[in-house]
Amino acid sequence: MLIDREQGARANLAAAGLNLHAVFSLSQVLDSLHRAGLLDATVLAEVRAYLNA
């Protein structure tokens, strides 16, 4: 998997005896975009809130 969206796939796959190997987590991608100035703080906060809901 390229990006783990952090929405439960890791736990679901583990329950089935499989390991998830992701290159990046969505949090890492969001942080990189924010640091590069490509994602503003408001959108970053909205996405994080959605992921944590």
Protein backbone atom coordinates (compact mmCIF):
# COMPACT_ATOMS: atom_id res chain seq x y z
CA MET A 1 0.00 0.00 0.00
CA LEU A 2 1.31 3.42 -0.81
CA ILE A 3 -0.69 5.53 1.68
CA ASP A 4 -2.38 4.29 4.84
CA ARG A 5 -5.49 6.48 5.20
CA GLU A 6 -5.54 5.64 8.93
CA GLN A 7 -9.18 4.59 8.86
CA GLY A 8 -8.88 1.12 10.33
CA ALA A 9 -7.37 -0.95 7.52
CA ARG A 10 -4.31 -1.85 9.61
CA ALA A 11 -6.45 -3.30 12.41
CA ASN A 12 -8.87 -5.00 10.01
CA LEU A 13 -6.07 -6.67 8.11
CA ALA A 14 -4.31 -7.68 11.33
CA ALA A 15 -7.51 -9.35 12.49
CA ALA A 16 -7.38 -11.40 9.30
CA GLY A 17 -3.73 -12.32 9.94
CA LEU A 18 -2.29 -9.88 7.38
CA ASN A 19 0.25 -7.10 7.85
CA LEU A 20 -0.19 -3.68 6.27
CA HIS A 21 2.96 -2.20 4.79
CA ALA A 22 2.42 1.44 3.82
CA VAL A 23 5.03 3.81 2.43
CA PHE A 24 3.37 6.81 4.08
CA SER A 25 0.52 7.50 6.45
CA LEU A 26 -2.00 10.16 5.52
CA SER A 27 -0.78 12.18 8.51
CA GLN A 28 2.73 12.20 7.06
CA VAL A 29 1.46 13.36 3.67
CA LEU A 30 -0.65 16.10 5.27
CA ASP A 31 2.27 17.30 7.40
CA SER A 32 4.56 17.43 4.36
CA LEU A 33 2.02 19.39 2.33
CA HIS A 34 1.48 21.81 5.21
CA ARG A 35 5.23 22.37 5.71
CA ALA A 36 5.62 23.00 1.97
CA GLY A 37 2.88 25.64 2.10
CA LEU A 38 0.55 23.60 -0.11
CA LEU A 39 -2.06 23.00 2.57
CA ASP A 40 -3.23 25.73 4.91
CA ALA A 41 -3.78 25.24 8.64
CA THR A 42 -7.58 25.40 8.35
CA VAL A 43 -7.81 22.57 5.84
CA LEU A 44 -5.23 20.58 7.80
CA ALA A 45 -7.33 20.89 10.95
CA GLU A 46 -10.53 19.92 9.08
CA VAL A 47 -8.95 16.80 7.62
CA ARG A 48 -7.47 15.78 10.98
CA ALA A 49 -10.88 16.25 12.64
CA TYR A 50 -12.50 14.08 9.97
CA LEU A 51 -9.89 11.34 10.44
CA ASN A 52 -10.31 11.38 14.21
CA ALA A 53 -14.12 11.24 14.07
